[in-house]
Every structure is written in structure tokens, then in C-alpha cells.
């Protein structure tokens, strides 16, 4: 790919990022995405503004998944009465191996440093899977991963539009 950014996660914004495909093989976790924002200051962005990348591949090498969750929720009435509560649930080993189907078409809306553990930085990745009706936000599945990795490379071939422009 024409552009490659190595270990520069702080120079990306994931707010609009959609996962087209995901795969976990051995210690390599990859996401093919669209609508990833390359921030001003990224070594590969020579523009004085943030820009959308075309289709991008995010590759976490030497990855260890410390925790994988399907996030729970609480549902309330308009009078603030709890109607339903579903707790967080750890994903099974089989579900983790099949992340590709779980996260296909999900929004990867957050990638951030979470904490330090045993001398390594732990990152939190947050996903929201749209329901059958893209405009119904009540029935969506949300997933979270806590990972460590040796390096991350983001690759893309072209820039799309300027963000907010």
C-alpha cells in the first residue's frame, strides 16, 4: 500500500471507522476498514488538516487479547425505572477465534490506551455492531477488546475527503 504508518495510533481518529473485515491468526489481528481519519501530525499526512483514508488495513502484530467482552446494558423507562439489565459477558474462545464474523460491519469507534500491565501498554478497542435497522440504536451489540501488541501498522492507498470540509 502507498501509505504506511507504524506505531502512530494517537494520530488516527476512529469515530467514523467501520470494519469491513476482521481476522485473528496466531498473533496477528487485522481489520480492513473504511472512514478512518488520519490526523494532522501523522507522518503520512502532509496536509495541515485531518483527512479520511480510503480503505485501510490496521495490523496489530504480536497481539495478545487479554479480555474480550460482549458489553451488557441497562434499559430504563422515561421515569428512570430499571426495566432490564444484561451484564457484560466474556466471549468464549470460539467466539474470539471467530472475531471476523462478530465484528464485520461493526463500527470501531474507539482505540485508546487503557492502562499499563506487566510493563506493557494495554489498549481498549470498542465496537458497535449495527442492528438490522441501521437507524435503530436500541438493539445493537457492543464489544470490547483489551489487547497488548508489539507493533501496529496502518496502511492505505489514497486519501478521500478532508474531515469536516
C-alpha atoms as a PDB file:
ATOM      1  CA  UNK A   1       0.000   0.000   0.000  1.00  0.00           C
ATOM      2  CA  UNK A   2       1.138   3.515  -0.736  1.00  0.00           C
ATOM      3  CA  UNK A   3       0.905   4.932   2.807  1.00  0.00           C
ATOM      4  CA  UNK A   4       2.118   3.121   5.949  1.00  0.00           C
ATOM      5  CA  UNK A   5       2.011   4.494   9.461  1.00  0.00           C
ATOM      6  CA  UNK A   6       3.797   2.452  12.127  1.00  0.00           C
ATOM      7  CA  UNK A   7       3.018   2.810  15.856  1.00  0.00           C
ATOM      8  CA  UNK A   8       1.153   6.123  15.446  1.00  0.00           C
ATOM      9  CA  UNK A   9      -2.297   5.286  16.830  1.00  0.00           C
ATOM     10  CA  UNK A  10      -2.560   8.689  18.513  1.00  0.00           C
ATOM     11  CA  UNK A  11      -2.582  10.254  15.042  1.00  0.00           C
ATOM     12  CA  UNK A  12      -5.778   8.472  13.984  1.00  0.00           C
ATOM     13  CA  UNK A  13      -9.385   9.177  14.883  1.00  0.00           C
ATOM     14  CA  UNK A  14     -11.732   6.193  14.838  1.00  0.00           C
ATOM     15  CA  UNK A  15     -15.066   7.987  15.389  1.00  0.00           C
ATOM     16  CA  UNK A  16     -16.465   7.065  11.934  1.00  0.00           C
ATOM     17  CA  UNK A  17     -14.414   3.918  11.316  1.00  0.00           C
ATOM     18  CA  UNK A  18     -16.307   0.871  10.027  1.00  0.00           C
ATOM     19  CA  UNK A  19     -14.863  -2.641   9.984  1.00  0.00           C
ATOM     20  CA  UNK A  20     -15.242  -4.289   6.581  1.00  0.00           C
ATOM     21  CA  UNK A  21     -13.464  -7.455   7.703  1.00  0.00           C
ATOM     22  CA  UNK A  22     -11.529  -8.711  10.695  1.00  0.00           C
ATOM     23  CA  UNK A  23      -9.215 -11.667  11.211  1.00  0.00           C
ATOM     24  CA  UNK A  24      -7.197 -13.155  14.049  1.00  0.00           C
ATOM     25  CA  UNK A  25      -4.473 -15.576  13.020  1.00  0.00           C
ATOM     26  CA  UNK A  26      -1.838 -16.628  15.529  1.00  0.00           C
ATOM     27  CA  UNK A  27      -0.543 -13.310  16.919  1.00  0.00           C
ATOM     28  CA  UNK A  28      -1.779 -11.087  14.070  1.00  0.00           C
ATOM     29  CA  UNK A  29      -5.062  -9.174  14.407  1.00  0.00           C
ATOM     30  CA  UNK A  30      -6.124  -7.292  11.273  1.00  0.00           C
ATOM     31  CA  UNK A  31      -9.021  -5.055  10.379  1.00  0.00           C
ATOM     32  CA  UNK A  32      -9.890  -3.813   6.908  1.00  0.00           C
ATOM     33  CA  UNK A  33     -11.700  -0.522   7.471  1.00  0.00           C
ATOM     34  CA  UNK A  34     -13.272   2.481   5.839  1.00  0.00           C
ATOM     35  CA  UNK A  35     -13.760   6.046   7.116  1.00  0.00           C
ATOM     36  CA  UNK A  36     -10.605   6.021   9.235  1.00  0.00           C
ATOM     37  CA  UNK A  37      -9.438   9.560   9.951  1.00  0.00           C
ATOM     38  CA  UNK A  38      -5.740  10.344   9.545  1.00  0.00           C
ATOM     39  CA  UNK A  39      -4.984  13.260  11.843  1.00  0.00           C
ATOM     40  CA  UNK A  40      -2.794  16.211  11.079  1.00  0.00           C
ATOM     41  CA  UNK A  41       0.599  15.325  12.537  1.00  0.00           C
ATOM     42  CA  UNK A  42       0.628  11.731  11.278  1.00  0.00           C
ATOM     43  CA  UNK A  43       3.915  11.054   9.485  1.00  0.00           C
ATOM     44  CA  UNK A  44       1.944  10.099   6.352  1.00  0.00           C
ATOM     45  CA  UNK A  45      -0.367  13.144   6.310  1.00  0.00           C
ATOM     46  CA  UNK A  46       1.342  16.124   4.747  1.00  0.00           C
ATOM     47  CA  UNK A  47      -1.809  18.251   4.784  1.00  0.00           C
ATOM     48  CA  UNK A  48      -2.479  20.836   7.509  1.00  0.00           C
ATOM     49  CA  UNK A  49      -5.844  19.174   8.266  1.00  0.00           C
ATOM     50  CA  UNK A  50      -7.354  15.794   9.151  1.00  0.00           C
ATOM     51  CA  UNK A  51      -8.376  13.614   6.193  1.00  0.00           C
ATOM     52  CA  UNK A  52     -10.269  10.375   5.640  1.00  0.00           C
ATOM     53  CA  UNK A  53      -8.171   7.488   4.355  1.00  0.00           C
ATOM     54  CA  UNK A  54      -9.542   5.266   1.631  1.00  0.00           C
ATOM     55  CA  UNK A  55      -9.858   1.618   2.606  1.00  0.00           C
ATOM     56  CA  UNK A  56      -7.251   0.995   5.272  1.00  0.00           C
ATOM     57  CA  UNK A  57      -5.770  -2.108   6.871  1.00  0.00           C
ATOM     58  CA  UNK A  58      -4.899  -1.988  10.576  1.00  0.00           C
ATOM     59  CA  UNK A  59      -2.488  -4.770  11.585  1.00  0.00           C
ATOM     60  CA  UNK A  60      -1.666  -5.449  15.231  1.00  0.00           C
ATOM     61  CA  UNK A  61       1.424  -7.677  15.309  1.00  0.00           C
ATOM     62  CA  UNK A  62       2.410  -9.729  18.331  1.00  0.00           C
ATOM     63  CA  UNK A  63      -1.078  -9.221  19.721  1.00  0.00           C
ATOM     64  CA  UNK A  64      -2.345 -10.745  22.942  1.00  0.00           C
ATOM     65  CA  UNK A  65      -6.044 -10.482  23.707  1.00  0.00           C
ATOM     66  CA  UNK A  66      -6.310 -10.038  27.458  1.00  0.00           C
ATOM     67  CA  UNK A  67     -10.084  -9.702  27.564  1.00  0.00           C
ATOM     68  CA  UNK A  68     -12.888  -9.916  25.019  1.00  0.00           C
ATOM     69  CA  UNK A  69     -16.385  -8.874  26.072  1.00  0.00           C
ATOM     70  CA  UNK A  70     -19.862  -8.551  24.732  1.00  0.00           C
ATOM     71  CA  UNK A  71     -20.928  -5.495  26.657  1.00  0.00           C
ATOM     72  CA  UNK A  72     -24.083  -5.534  28.724  1.00  0.00           C
ATOM     73  CA  UNK A  73     -26.613  -2.767  29.136  1.00  0.00           C
ATOM     74  CA  UNK A  74     -29.354  -1.330  31.320  1.00  0.00           C
ATOM     75  CA  UNK A  75     -32.694  -0.228  29.913  1.00  0.00           C
ATOM     76  CA  UNK A  76     -34.856   2.315  31.765  1.00  0.00           C
ATOM     77  CA  UNK A  77     -38.333   3.766  31.336  1.00  0.00           C
ATOM     78  CA  UNK A  78     -38.810   7.504  30.850  1.00  0.00           C
ATOM     79  CA  UNK A  79     -39.435   7.650  34.614  1.00  0.00           C
ATOM     80  CA  UNK A  80     -35.952   6.241  35.293  1.00  0.00           C
ATOM     81  CA  UNK A  81     -37.249   2.825  36.355  1.00  0.00           C
ATOM     82  CA  UNK A  82     -34.916  -0.054  35.511  1.00  0.00           C
ATOM     83  CA  UNK A  83     -36.704  -2.417  33.117  1.00  0.00           C
ATOM     84  CA  UNK A  84     -33.930  -4.729  32.019  1.00  0.00           C
ATOM     85  CA  UNK A  85     -30.306  -5.355  32.898  1.00  0.00           C
ATOM     86  CA  UNK A  86     -27.910  -7.545  30.931  1.00  0.00           C
ATOM     87  CA  UNK A  87     -24.390  -7.922  32.390  1.00  0.00           C
ATOM     88  CA  UNK A  88     -21.154  -7.930  30.405  1.00  0.00           C
ATOM     89  CA  UNK A  89     -20.243 -11.397  29.120  1.00  0.00           C
ATOM     90  CA  UNK A  90     -16.754 -12.649  28.314  1.00  0.00           C
ATOM     91  CA  UNK A  91     -16.509 -14.077  24.828  1.00  0.00           C
ATOM     92  CA  UNK A  92     -15.764 -17.776  24.556  1.00  0.00           C
ATOM     93  CA  UNK A  93     -12.520 -18.967  22.960  1.00  0.00           C
ATOM     94  CA  UNK A  94     -14.543 -19.986  19.894  1.00  0.00           C
ATOM     95  CA  UNK A  95     -16.106 -16.507  19.617  1.00  0.00           C
ATOM     96  CA  UNK A  96     -12.650 -14.907  19.888  1.00  0.00           C
ATOM     97  CA  UNK A  97     -11.357 -17.157  17.094  1.00  0.00           C
ATOM     98  CA  UNK A  98     -14.364 -16.049  15.023  1.00  0.00           C
ATOM     99  CA  UNK A  99     -13.945 -12.287  15.563  1.00  0.00           C
ATOM    100  CA  UNK A 100     -14.202 -11.797  11.812  1.00  0.00           C
ATOM    101  CA  UNK A 101     -17.898 -12.623  11.699  1.00  0.00           C
ATOM    102  CA  UNK A 102     -18.694 -10.940  15.035  1.00  0.00           C
ATOM    103  CA  UNK A 103     -17.141  -7.619  14.018  1.00  0.00           C
ATOM    104  CA  UNK A 104     -17.962  -7.492  10.301  1.00  0.00           C
ATOM    105  CA  UNK A 105     -19.687  -4.164   9.546  1.00  0.00           C
ATOM    106  CA  UNK A 106     -19.223  -3.012  13.148  1.00  0.00           C
ATOM    107  CA  UNK A 107     -18.029   0.480  13.955  1.00  0.00           C
ATOM    108  CA  UNK A 108     -14.605   0.602  15.579  1.00  0.00           C
ATOM    109  CA  UNK A 109     -15.315   3.856  17.344  1.00  0.00           C
ATOM    110  CA  UNK A 110     -12.537   3.909  19.918  1.00  0.00           C
ATOM    111  CA  UNK A 111      -8.932   2.777  20.215  1.00  0.00           C
ATOM    112  CA  UNK A 112      -7.162   4.176  23.258  1.00  0.00           C
ATOM    113  CA  UNK A 113      -4.567   3.435  25.883  1.00  0.00           C
ATOM    114  CA  UNK A 114      -6.333   1.859  28.841  1.00  0.00           C
ATOM    115  CA  UNK A 115      -3.634   1.084  31.410  1.00  0.00           C
ATOM    116  CA  UNK A 116      -0.195  -0.444  31.937  1.00  0.00           C
ATOM    117  CA  UNK A 117       0.188  -4.091  32.879  1.00  0.00           C
ATOM    118  CA  UNK A 118       3.436  -6.010  33.382  1.00  0.00           C
ATOM    119  CA  UNK A 119       5.425  -3.302  31.594  1.00  0.00           C
ATOM    120  CA  UNK A 120       3.152  -3.188  28.546  1.00  0.00           C
ATOM    121  CA  UNK A 121       0.538  -0.704  27.434  1.00  0.00           C
ATOM    122  CA  UNK A 122      -2.945  -2.198  27.289  1.00  0.00           C
ATOM    123  CA  UNK A 123      -5.237  -0.765  24.632  1.00  0.00           C
ATOM    124  CA  UNK A 124      -9.025  -0.811  24.655  1.00  0.00           C
ATOM    125  CA  UNK A 125     -10.848  -1.291  21.350  1.00  0.00           C
ATOM    126  CA  UNK A 126     -14.589  -0.583  21.350  1.00  0.00           C
ATOM    127  CA  UNK A 127     -17.013  -1.774  18.662  1.00  0.00           C
ATOM    128  CA  UNK A 128     -20.702  -1.254  17.952  1.00  0.00           C
ATOM    129  CA  UNK A 129     -22.460  -3.652  15.597  1.00  0.00           C
ATOM    130  CA  UNK A 130     -25.432  -2.107  13.846  1.00  0.00           C
ATOM    131  CA  UNK A 131     -28.728  -3.949  14.071  1.00  0.00           C
ATOM    132  CA  UNK A 132     -30.814  -4.906  11.076  1.00  0.00           C
ATOM    133  CA  UNK A 133     -32.262  -1.386  11.043  1.00  0.00           C
ATOM    134  CA  UNK A 134     -29.254   0.943  10.821  1.00  0.00           C
ATOM    135  CA  UNK A 135     -31.230   3.764  12.440  1.00  0.00           C
ATOM    136  CA  UNK A 136     -32.393   1.750  15.480  1.00  0.00           C
ATOM    137  CA  UNK A 137     -29.717   2.213  18.143  1.00  0.00           C
ATOM    138  CA  UNK A 138     -31.580   0.300  20.869  1.00  0.00           C
ATOM    139  CA  UNK A 139     -30.792  -3.186  19.627  1.00  0.00           C
ATOM    140  CA  UNK A 140     -27.096  -3.146  18.892  1.00  0.00           C
ATOM    141  CA  UNK A 141     -24.362  -5.442  20.121  1.00  0.00           C
ATOM    142  CA  UNK A 142     -21.301  -3.770  21.589  1.00  0.00           C
ATOM    143  CA  UNK A 143     -17.971  -5.492  22.004  1.00  0.00           C
ATOM    144  CA  UNK A 144     -14.765  -4.556  23.770  1.00  0.00           C
ATOM    145  CA  UNK A 145     -11.252  -5.919  23.489  1.00  0.00           C
ATOM    146  CA  UNK A 146      -8.309  -5.303  25.799  1.00  0.00           C
ATOM    147  CA  UNK A 147      -5.086  -6.066  23.946  1.00  0.00           C
ATOM    148  CA  UNK A 148      -1.336  -5.666  24.057  1.00  0.00           C
ATOM    149  CA  UNK A 149       0.799  -5.786  20.929  1.00  0.00           C
ATOM    150  CA  UNK A 150       4.366  -5.392  19.726  1.00  0.00           C
ATOM    151  CA  UNK A 151       3.593  -3.036  16.842  1.00  0.00           C
ATOM    152  CA  UNK A 152       0.705  -1.693  14.806  1.00  0.00           C
ATOM    153  CA  UNK A 153       0.808  -0.741  11.131  1.00  0.00           C
ATOM    154  CA  UNK A 154      -1.949   1.163   9.367  1.00  0.00           C
ATOM    155  CA  UNK A 155      -1.785   1.034   5.558  1.00  0.00           C
ATOM    156  CA  UNK A 156      -3.885   2.704   2.862  1.00  0.00           C
ATOM    157  CA  UNK A 157      -3.561   3.693  -0.795  1.00  0.00           C
ATOM    158  CA  UNK A 158      -5.339   7.016  -1.011  1.00  0.00           C
ATOM    159  CA  UNK A 159      -6.856   9.906   0.846  1.00  0.00           C
ATOM    160  CA  UNK A 160     -10.524  10.704   0.496  1.00  0.00           C
ATOM    161  CA  UNK A 161     -12.177  13.901   1.711  1.00  0.00           C
ATOM    162  CA  UNK A 162     -10.989  16.430   4.218  1.00  0.00           C
ATOM    163  CA  UNK A 163     -12.720  15.888   7.581  1.00  0.00           C
ATOM    164  CA  UNK A 164     -15.443  18.482   8.090  1.00  0.00           C
ATOM    165  CA  UNK A 165     -14.622  20.099   4.782  1.00  0.00           C
END
